[in-house]
N, C-alpha and C. Protein backbone atom coordinates (compact mmCIF):
# COMPACT_ATOMS: atom_id res chain seq x y z
N UNK A 1 -109.23 29.14 1.65
CA UNK A 1 -108.26 29.11 2.73
C UNK A 1 -107.88 30.55 3.09
N UNK A 2 -107.72 30.78 4.37
CA UNK A 2 -107.26 32.08 4.86
C UNK A 2 -105.74 32.05 4.93
N UNK A 3 -105.15 33.21 5.07
CA UNK A 3 -103.69 33.32 5.02
C UNK A 3 -103.23 34.42 5.96
N UNK A 4 -102.18 34.13 6.74
CA UNK A 4 -101.46 35.16 7.49
C UNK A 4 -99.98 34.95 7.21
N UNK A 5 -99.25 36.05 7.25
CA UNK A 5 -97.82 35.97 6.96
C UNK A 5 -97.09 37.05 7.74
N UNK A 6 -95.88 36.70 8.16
CA UNK A 6 -95.04 37.68 8.84
C UNK A 6 -93.58 37.40 8.47
N UNK A 7 -92.85 38.47 8.20
CA UNK A 7 -91.42 38.37 7.89
C UNK A 7 -90.66 39.32 8.78
N UNK A 8 -89.46 38.92 9.15
CA UNK A 8 -88.57 39.80 9.90
C UNK A 8 -87.14 39.34 9.72
N UNK A 9 -86.24 40.27 9.95
CA UNK A 9 -84.82 39.98 9.85
C UNK A 9 -84.33 39.55 11.23
N UNK A 10 -83.71 38.37 11.26
CA UNK A 10 -83.16 37.81 12.50
C UNK A 10 -81.64 37.90 12.38
N UNK A 11 -80.95 38.46 13.39
CA UNK A 11 -79.52 38.74 13.26
C UNK A 11 -78.59 37.53 13.46
N UNK A 12 -78.86 36.45 12.74
CA UNK A 12 -77.94 35.30 12.72
C UNK A 12 -77.98 34.68 11.33
N UNK A 13 -76.92 33.98 10.94
CA UNK A 13 -76.91 33.32 9.62
C UNK A 13 -78.05 32.31 9.50
N UNK A 14 -78.52 32.11 8.26
CA UNK A 14 -79.70 31.27 8.09
C UNK A 14 -79.47 29.82 8.52
N UNK A 15 -78.27 29.31 8.41
CA UNK A 15 -78.01 27.94 8.87
C UNK A 15 -78.29 27.83 10.38
N UNK A 16 -77.84 28.82 11.14
CA UNK A 16 -78.05 28.80 12.60
C UNK A 16 -79.53 28.94 12.94
N UNK A 17 -80.24 29.80 12.22
CA UNK A 17 -81.66 29.97 12.46
C UNK A 17 -82.44 28.72 12.07
N UNK A 18 -82.06 28.10 10.96
CA UNK A 18 -82.69 26.84 10.55
C UNK A 18 -82.49 25.78 11.63
N UNK A 19 -81.28 25.68 12.14
CA UNK A 19 -81.00 24.69 13.19
C UNK A 19 -81.82 24.99 14.45
N UNK A 20 -81.95 26.25 14.80
CA UNK A 20 -82.73 26.64 15.97
C UNK A 20 -84.18 26.19 15.82
N UNK A 21 -84.80 26.50 14.68
CA UNK A 21 -86.21 26.17 14.49
C UNK A 21 -86.44 24.70 14.14
N UNK A 22 -85.39 23.99 13.78
CA UNK A 22 -85.49 22.56 13.51
C UNK A 22 -85.62 21.76 14.81
N UNK A 23 -85.24 22.36 15.91
CA UNK A 23 -85.36 21.73 17.22
C UNK A 23 -86.73 22.11 17.79
N UNK A 24 -87.67 21.20 17.69
CA UNK A 24 -89.04 21.51 18.08
C UNK A 24 -89.19 21.79 19.57
N UNK A 25 -88.22 21.43 20.37
CA UNK A 25 -88.26 21.81 21.79
C UNK A 25 -88.21 23.32 21.94
N UNK A 26 -87.54 23.98 21.03
CA UNK A 26 -87.41 25.45 21.12
C UNK A 26 -88.69 26.15 20.71
N UNK A 27 -89.56 25.49 19.99
CA UNK A 27 -90.83 26.10 19.60
C UNK A 27 -91.65 26.46 20.83
N UNK A 28 -91.49 25.70 21.90
CA UNK A 28 -92.26 25.97 23.12
C UNK A 28 -91.82 27.26 23.79
N UNK A 29 -90.64 27.75 23.46
CA UNK A 29 -90.07 28.94 24.11
C UNK A 29 -90.37 30.23 23.36
N UNK A 30 -91.06 30.14 22.23
CA UNK A 30 -91.28 31.35 21.43
C UNK A 30 -92.76 31.74 21.35
N UNK A 31 -93.56 31.18 22.22
CA UNK A 31 -94.99 31.49 22.25
C UNK A 31 -95.28 32.66 23.20
N UNK A 32 -96.34 33.42 22.92
CA UNK A 32 -96.73 34.49 23.85
C UNK A 32 -97.08 33.92 25.22
N UNK A 33 -97.06 34.75 26.25
CA UNK A 33 -97.30 34.27 27.62
C UNK A 33 -98.69 33.65 27.84
N UNK A 34 -99.66 34.00 27.01
CA UNK A 34 -101.01 33.44 27.19
C UNK A 34 -101.17 32.06 26.56
N UNK A 35 -100.10 31.53 25.96
CA UNK A 35 -100.13 30.21 25.33
C UNK A 35 -99.04 29.35 25.95
N UNK A 36 -99.45 28.21 26.49
CA UNK A 36 -98.48 27.24 27.01
C UNK A 36 -98.43 26.11 26.00
N UNK A 37 -97.26 25.89 25.42
CA UNK A 37 -97.06 24.85 24.42
C UNK A 37 -96.04 23.87 24.96
N UNK A 38 -96.42 22.60 24.98
CA UNK A 38 -95.51 21.55 25.47
C UNK A 38 -95.29 20.52 24.37
N UNK A 39 -94.05 20.15 24.15
CA UNK A 39 -93.73 19.05 23.25
C UNK A 39 -93.94 17.77 24.03
N UNK A 40 -94.85 16.91 23.56
CA UNK A 40 -95.17 15.70 24.31
C UNK A 40 -94.58 14.43 23.69
N UNK A 41 -93.93 14.57 22.55
CA UNK A 41 -93.25 13.44 21.93
C UNK A 41 -91.74 13.63 22.07
N UNK A 42 -91.01 12.57 21.85
CA UNK A 42 -89.56 12.69 21.88
C UNK A 42 -89.09 13.58 20.75
N UNK A 43 -88.08 14.41 20.98
CA UNK A 43 -87.56 15.22 19.88
C UNK A 43 -86.93 14.32 18.82
N UNK A 44 -87.25 14.60 17.58
CA UNK A 44 -86.75 13.81 16.46
C UNK A 44 -86.00 14.71 15.48
N UNK A 45 -85.16 14.10 14.67
CA UNK A 45 -84.50 14.85 13.62
C UNK A 45 -85.55 15.38 12.65
N UNK A 46 -85.27 16.53 12.10
CA UNK A 46 -86.19 17.13 11.15
C UNK A 46 -86.02 16.45 9.80
N UNK A 47 -87.07 15.77 9.36
CA UNK A 47 -87.09 15.18 8.02
C UNK A 47 -88.54 14.95 7.63
N UNK A 48 -88.77 14.79 6.35
CA UNK A 48 -90.12 14.61 5.82
C UNK A 48 -90.80 13.42 6.50
N UNK A 49 -92.05 13.64 6.89
CA UNK A 49 -92.85 12.60 7.49
C UNK A 49 -92.79 12.50 9.00
N UNK A 50 -91.84 13.19 9.62
CA UNK A 50 -91.71 13.14 11.08
C UNK A 50 -92.89 13.87 11.71
N UNK A 51 -93.40 13.29 12.79
CA UNK A 51 -94.54 13.87 13.49
C UNK A 51 -94.12 14.28 14.89
N UNK A 52 -94.40 15.53 15.23
CA UNK A 52 -94.13 16.07 16.57
C UNK A 52 -95.47 16.31 17.26
N UNK A 53 -95.61 15.79 18.46
CA UNK A 53 -96.87 15.93 19.19
C UNK A 53 -96.74 17.01 20.26
N UNK A 54 -97.79 17.82 20.37
CA UNK A 54 -97.80 18.93 21.30
C UNK A 54 -99.09 18.93 22.13
N UNK A 55 -99.01 19.62 23.25
CA UNK A 55 -100.19 19.96 24.04
C UNK A 55 -100.19 21.48 24.16
N UNK A 56 -101.31 22.09 23.81
CA UNK A 56 -101.44 23.54 23.86
C UNK A 56 -102.50 23.87 24.90
N UNK A 57 -102.17 24.80 25.79
CA UNK A 57 -103.13 25.28 26.79
C UNK A 57 -103.30 26.78 26.61
N UNK A 58 -104.56 27.17 26.51
CA UNK A 58 -104.87 28.59 26.35
C UNK A 58 -106.29 28.84 26.84
N UNK A 59 -106.50 29.94 27.52
CA UNK A 59 -107.82 30.27 28.07
C UNK A 59 -108.32 29.16 29.00
N UNK A 60 -107.40 28.46 29.65
CA UNK A 60 -107.77 27.40 30.57
C UNK A 60 -108.15 26.09 29.90
N UNK A 61 -108.07 26.04 28.60
CA UNK A 61 -108.43 24.83 27.85
C UNK A 61 -107.18 24.22 27.24
N UNK A 62 -107.09 22.89 27.24
CA UNK A 62 -105.95 22.19 26.67
C UNK A 62 -106.42 21.23 25.59
N UNK A 63 -105.59 21.08 24.59
CA UNK A 63 -105.83 20.04 23.60
C UNK A 63 -104.50 19.61 23.00
N UNK A 64 -104.50 18.41 22.46
CA UNK A 64 -103.30 17.87 21.84
C UNK A 64 -103.44 17.92 20.33
N UNK A 65 -102.31 18.11 19.67
CA UNK A 65 -102.28 18.11 18.21
C UNK A 65 -100.90 17.68 17.76
N UNK A 66 -100.78 17.41 16.48
CA UNK A 66 -99.50 17.00 15.91
C UNK A 66 -99.11 17.94 14.79
N UNK A 67 -97.80 18.13 14.61
CA UNK A 67 -97.26 18.80 13.44
C UNK A 67 -96.49 17.76 12.65
N UNK A 68 -96.86 17.59 11.41
CA UNK A 68 -96.19 16.64 10.53
C UNK A 68 -95.36 17.42 9.52
N UNK A 69 -94.09 17.08 9.42
CA UNK A 69 -93.19 17.74 8.48
C UNK A 69 -93.52 17.24 7.08
N UNK A 70 -94.02 18.14 6.24
CA UNK A 70 -94.34 17.77 4.87
C UNK A 70 -93.11 17.87 3.97
N UNK A 71 -92.25 18.83 4.25
CA UNK A 71 -91.00 18.95 3.51
C UNK A 71 -90.03 19.81 4.29
N UNK A 72 -88.77 19.60 4.04
CA UNK A 72 -87.74 20.45 4.63
C UNK A 72 -86.54 20.44 3.69
N UNK A 73 -86.04 21.61 3.43
CA UNK A 73 -84.84 21.78 2.63
C UNK A 73 -83.83 22.50 3.52
N UNK A 74 -82.71 21.83 3.78
CA UNK A 74 -81.68 22.35 4.68
C UNK A 74 -81.41 23.83 4.42
N UNK A 75 -81.57 24.63 5.45
CA UNK A 75 -81.28 26.07 5.43
C UNK A 75 -82.18 26.87 4.49
N UNK A 76 -83.23 26.26 3.95
CA UNK A 76 -84.11 26.95 3.00
C UNK A 76 -85.55 27.06 3.47
N UNK A 77 -86.13 25.92 3.88
CA UNK A 77 -87.55 25.95 4.23
C UNK A 77 -87.96 24.73 5.05
N UNK A 78 -89.06 24.92 5.76
CA UNK A 78 -89.74 23.85 6.50
C UNK A 78 -91.22 24.06 6.25
N UNK A 79 -91.90 23.00 5.87
CA UNK A 79 -93.35 23.07 5.71
C UNK A 79 -93.95 22.00 6.60
N UNK A 80 -94.88 22.43 7.45
CA UNK A 80 -95.50 21.52 8.42
C UNK A 80 -97.01 21.68 8.40
N UNK A 81 -97.68 20.54 8.59
CA UNK A 81 -99.15 20.51 8.59
C UNK A 81 -99.63 20.04 9.95
N UNK A 82 -100.62 20.75 10.48
CA UNK A 82 -101.22 20.35 11.76
C UNK A 82 -102.23 19.24 11.52
N UNK A 83 -102.24 18.31 12.46
CA UNK A 83 -103.20 17.22 12.44
C UNK A 83 -103.86 17.17 13.81
N UNK A 84 -105.15 16.94 13.83
CA UNK A 84 -105.94 16.88 15.07
C UNK A 84 -106.00 18.23 15.77
N UNK A 85 -105.88 19.32 15.03
CA UNK A 85 -105.99 20.64 15.65
C UNK A 85 -107.42 21.13 15.53
N UNK A 86 -107.72 22.28 16.11
CA UNK A 86 -109.07 22.80 15.99
C UNK A 86 -109.30 23.51 14.66
N UNK A 87 -108.26 23.57 13.81
CA UNK A 87 -108.42 24.08 12.45
C UNK A 87 -108.81 22.92 11.54
N UNK A 88 -109.62 23.20 10.56
CA UNK A 88 -109.94 22.17 9.57
C UNK A 88 -108.69 21.84 8.75
N UNK A 89 -107.94 22.88 8.42
CA UNK A 89 -106.63 22.73 7.78
C UNK A 89 -105.70 23.80 8.33
N UNK A 90 -104.40 23.49 8.42
CA UNK A 90 -103.42 24.45 8.93
C UNK A 90 -102.04 24.03 8.41
N UNK A 91 -101.42 24.88 7.58
CA UNK A 91 -100.10 24.60 7.03
C UNK A 91 -99.21 25.80 7.28
N UNK A 92 -98.07 25.56 7.90
CA UNK A 92 -97.10 26.61 8.19
C UNK A 92 -95.90 26.42 7.28
N UNK A 93 -95.62 27.41 6.45
CA UNK A 93 -94.44 27.40 5.58
C UNK A 93 -93.44 28.39 6.15
N UNK A 94 -92.25 27.89 6.47
CA UNK A 94 -91.20 28.72 7.05
C UNK A 94 -90.09 28.82 6.02
N UNK A 95 -89.74 30.04 5.65
CA UNK A 95 -88.66 30.26 4.67
C UNK A 95 -87.51 31.01 5.32
N UNK A 96 -86.31 30.64 4.90
CA UNK A 96 -85.08 31.25 5.40
C UNK A 96 -84.34 31.81 4.19
N UNK A 97 -84.07 33.13 4.20
CA UNK A 97 -83.35 33.75 3.10
C UNK A 97 -82.20 34.59 3.66
N UNK A 98 -81.06 34.50 2.98
CA UNK A 98 -79.92 35.33 3.39
C UNK A 98 -80.33 36.80 3.36
N UNK A 99 -79.89 37.51 4.38
CA UNK A 99 -80.12 38.96 4.44
C UNK A 99 -78.80 39.58 4.91
N UNK A 100 -77.88 39.64 4.00
CA UNK A 100 -76.53 40.05 4.36
C UNK A 100 -75.76 38.83 4.84
N UNK A 101 -74.56 39.07 5.33
CA UNK A 101 -73.68 37.97 5.71
C UNK A 101 -74.09 37.28 7.01
N UNK A 102 -74.61 38.04 7.95
CA UNK A 102 -74.90 37.46 9.27
C UNK A 102 -76.34 37.69 9.72
N UNK A 103 -77.25 37.71 8.75
CA UNK A 103 -78.66 37.88 9.10
C UNK A 103 -79.52 37.07 8.14
N UNK A 104 -80.74 36.79 8.60
CA UNK A 104 -81.67 35.97 7.84
C UNK A 104 -83.03 36.63 7.80
N UNK A 105 -83.64 36.64 6.63
CA UNK A 105 -85.02 37.05 6.51
C UNK A 105 -85.86 35.80 6.77
N UNK A 106 -86.59 35.80 7.88
CA UNK A 106 -87.44 34.69 8.26
C UNK A 106 -88.87 35.03 7.88
N UNK A 107 -89.53 34.13 7.17
CA UNK A 107 -90.92 34.34 6.77
C UNK A 107 -91.75 33.13 7.17
N UNK A 108 -92.79 33.39 7.93
CA UNK A 108 -93.80 32.37 8.24
C UNK A 108 -95.05 32.72 7.46
N UNK A 109 -95.55 31.77 6.68
CA UNK A 109 -96.81 31.94 5.97
C UNK A 109 -97.72 30.79 6.39
N UNK A 110 -98.85 31.12 6.98
CA UNK A 110 -99.78 30.10 7.46
C UNK A 110 -101.06 30.18 6.63
N UNK A 111 -101.39 29.05 6.03
CA UNK A 111 -102.65 28.90 5.31
C UNK A 111 -103.54 28.01 6.16
N UNK A 112 -104.77 28.43 6.38
CA UNK A 112 -105.63 27.69 7.29
C UNK A 112 -107.09 27.80 6.88
N UNK A 113 -107.86 26.87 7.40
CA UNK A 113 -109.30 26.87 7.18
C UNK A 113 -109.97 26.61 8.51
N UNK A 114 -110.89 27.48 8.86
CA UNK A 114 -111.64 27.37 10.11
C UNK A 114 -112.91 26.56 9.83
N UNK A 115 -113.26 25.64 10.71
CA UNK A 115 -114.54 24.93 10.54
C UNK A 115 -115.73 25.82 10.88
N UNK A 116 -116.91 25.30 10.80
CA UNK A 116 -118.16 25.94 11.22
C UNK A 116 -118.70 26.96 10.22
N UNK A 117 -118.33 26.82 8.95
CA UNK A 117 -118.94 27.63 7.89
C UNK A 117 -118.91 29.11 8.13
N UNK A 118 -120.09 29.74 8.05
CA UNK A 118 -120.21 31.19 8.18
C UNK A 118 -119.77 31.65 9.57
N UNK A 119 -120.11 30.89 10.59
CA UNK A 119 -119.69 31.27 11.95
C UNK A 119 -118.16 31.24 12.09
N UNK A 120 -117.52 30.25 11.49
CA UNK A 120 -116.06 30.18 11.50
C UNK A 120 -115.45 31.35 10.75
N UNK A 121 -116.02 31.68 9.60
CA UNK A 121 -115.53 32.83 8.80
C UNK A 121 -115.68 34.13 9.58
N UNK A 122 -116.81 34.28 10.27
CA UNK A 122 -117.03 35.48 11.08
C UNK A 122 -116.01 35.56 12.22
N UNK A 123 -115.79 34.44 12.90
CA UNK A 123 -114.80 34.41 13.99
C UNK A 123 -113.41 34.74 13.45
N UNK A 124 -113.10 34.23 12.26
CA UNK A 124 -111.80 34.52 11.65
C UNK A 124 -111.65 36.01 11.39
N UNK A 125 -112.68 36.61 10.80
CA UNK A 125 -112.65 38.05 10.51
C UNK A 125 -112.57 38.90 11.77
N UNK A 126 -113.27 38.47 12.81
CA UNK A 126 -113.34 39.28 14.03
C UNK A 126 -112.09 39.17 14.90
N UNK A 127 -111.51 37.95 15.02
CA UNK A 127 -110.37 37.86 15.93
C UNK A 127 -109.32 36.80 15.61
N UNK A 128 -109.64 35.72 14.94
CA UNK A 128 -108.65 34.65 14.75
C UNK A 128 -107.47 35.12 13.91
N UNK A 129 -107.74 35.76 12.78
CA UNK A 129 -106.65 36.22 11.90
C UNK A 129 -105.74 37.21 12.63
N UNK A 130 -106.34 38.16 13.35
CA UNK A 130 -105.54 39.15 14.09
C UNK A 130 -104.72 38.47 15.18
N UNK A 131 -105.32 37.49 15.84
CA UNK A 131 -104.61 36.77 16.90
C UNK A 131 -103.44 35.97 16.33
N UNK A 132 -103.65 35.31 15.20
CA UNK A 132 -102.56 34.56 14.58
C UNK A 132 -101.43 35.49 14.15
N UNK A 133 -101.78 36.66 13.63
CA UNK A 133 -100.76 37.64 13.25
C UNK A 133 -99.97 38.09 14.47
N UNK A 134 -100.67 38.32 15.58
CA UNK A 134 -100.02 38.73 16.83
C UNK A 134 -99.06 37.63 17.31
N UNK A 135 -99.48 36.38 17.22
CA UNK A 135 -98.63 35.27 17.65
C UNK A 135 -97.37 35.19 16.80
N UNK A 136 -97.52 35.33 15.48
CA UNK A 136 -96.34 35.30 14.60
C UNK A 136 -95.37 36.44 14.93
N UNK A 137 -95.90 37.64 15.11
CA UNK A 137 -95.04 38.78 15.43
C UNK A 137 -94.33 38.56 16.76
N UNK A 138 -95.05 38.07 17.77
CA UNK A 138 -94.44 37.80 19.06
C UNK A 138 -93.32 36.76 18.90
N UNK A 139 -93.61 35.69 18.19
CA UNK A 139 -92.62 34.62 18.02
C UNK A 139 -91.36 35.12 17.34
N UNK A 140 -91.50 35.93 16.29
CA UNK A 140 -90.33 36.48 15.61
C UNK A 140 -89.53 37.37 16.56
N UNK A 141 -90.22 38.20 17.33
CA UNK A 141 -89.52 39.07 18.27
C UNK A 141 -88.83 38.27 19.36
N UNK A 142 -89.46 37.20 19.80
CA UNK A 142 -88.85 36.33 20.83
C UNK A 142 -87.60 35.66 20.27
N UNK A 143 -87.67 35.17 19.02
CA UNK A 143 -86.49 34.57 18.39
C UNK A 143 -85.36 35.59 18.32
N UNK A 144 -85.69 36.81 17.89
CA UNK A 144 -84.66 37.88 17.83
C UNK A 144 -84.01 38.09 19.19
N UNK A 145 -84.81 38.05 20.25
CA UNK A 145 -84.27 38.31 21.59
C UNK A 145 -83.23 37.28 22.01
N UNK A 146 -83.28 36.08 21.47
CA UNK A 146 -82.29 35.06 21.80
C UNK A 146 -80.93 35.36 21.15
N UNK A 147 -80.93 36.20 20.12
CA UNK A 147 -79.70 36.40 19.33
C UNK A 147 -79.21 37.84 19.31
N UNK A 148 -79.82 38.70 20.12
CA UNK A 148 -79.33 40.10 20.16
C UNK A 148 -78.78 40.42 21.53
């Protein structure tokens, strides 16, 4: 499995940041401009087993996928697994840690597996990993912009 990770300090208490990211409608607002993400299912409370359906459009191509909440601990973490995505496996672990009284250290760690064997590994080395890192950095900066 491949791995990308990004951490940054967000200037709000972790409870508020957890609540923000628990609302999957807000996930559509933190993507880079070259990615259009739409929530296609009704918004649901965040709890284990809940499935959120999305449509992603990029490079003129669209596909649907689901994020299934594998676990969530109030104000601590959210772990979600993609289903029906173009990744063979994709798990996003989101951690929330106090960083002073009014700030949170937000960490996204994504473990993933690209299909297509050697060709998939080559694509990952050449651009997928860098692109995923760019998306995480953009998302963290976009989240910060809502609270500064």
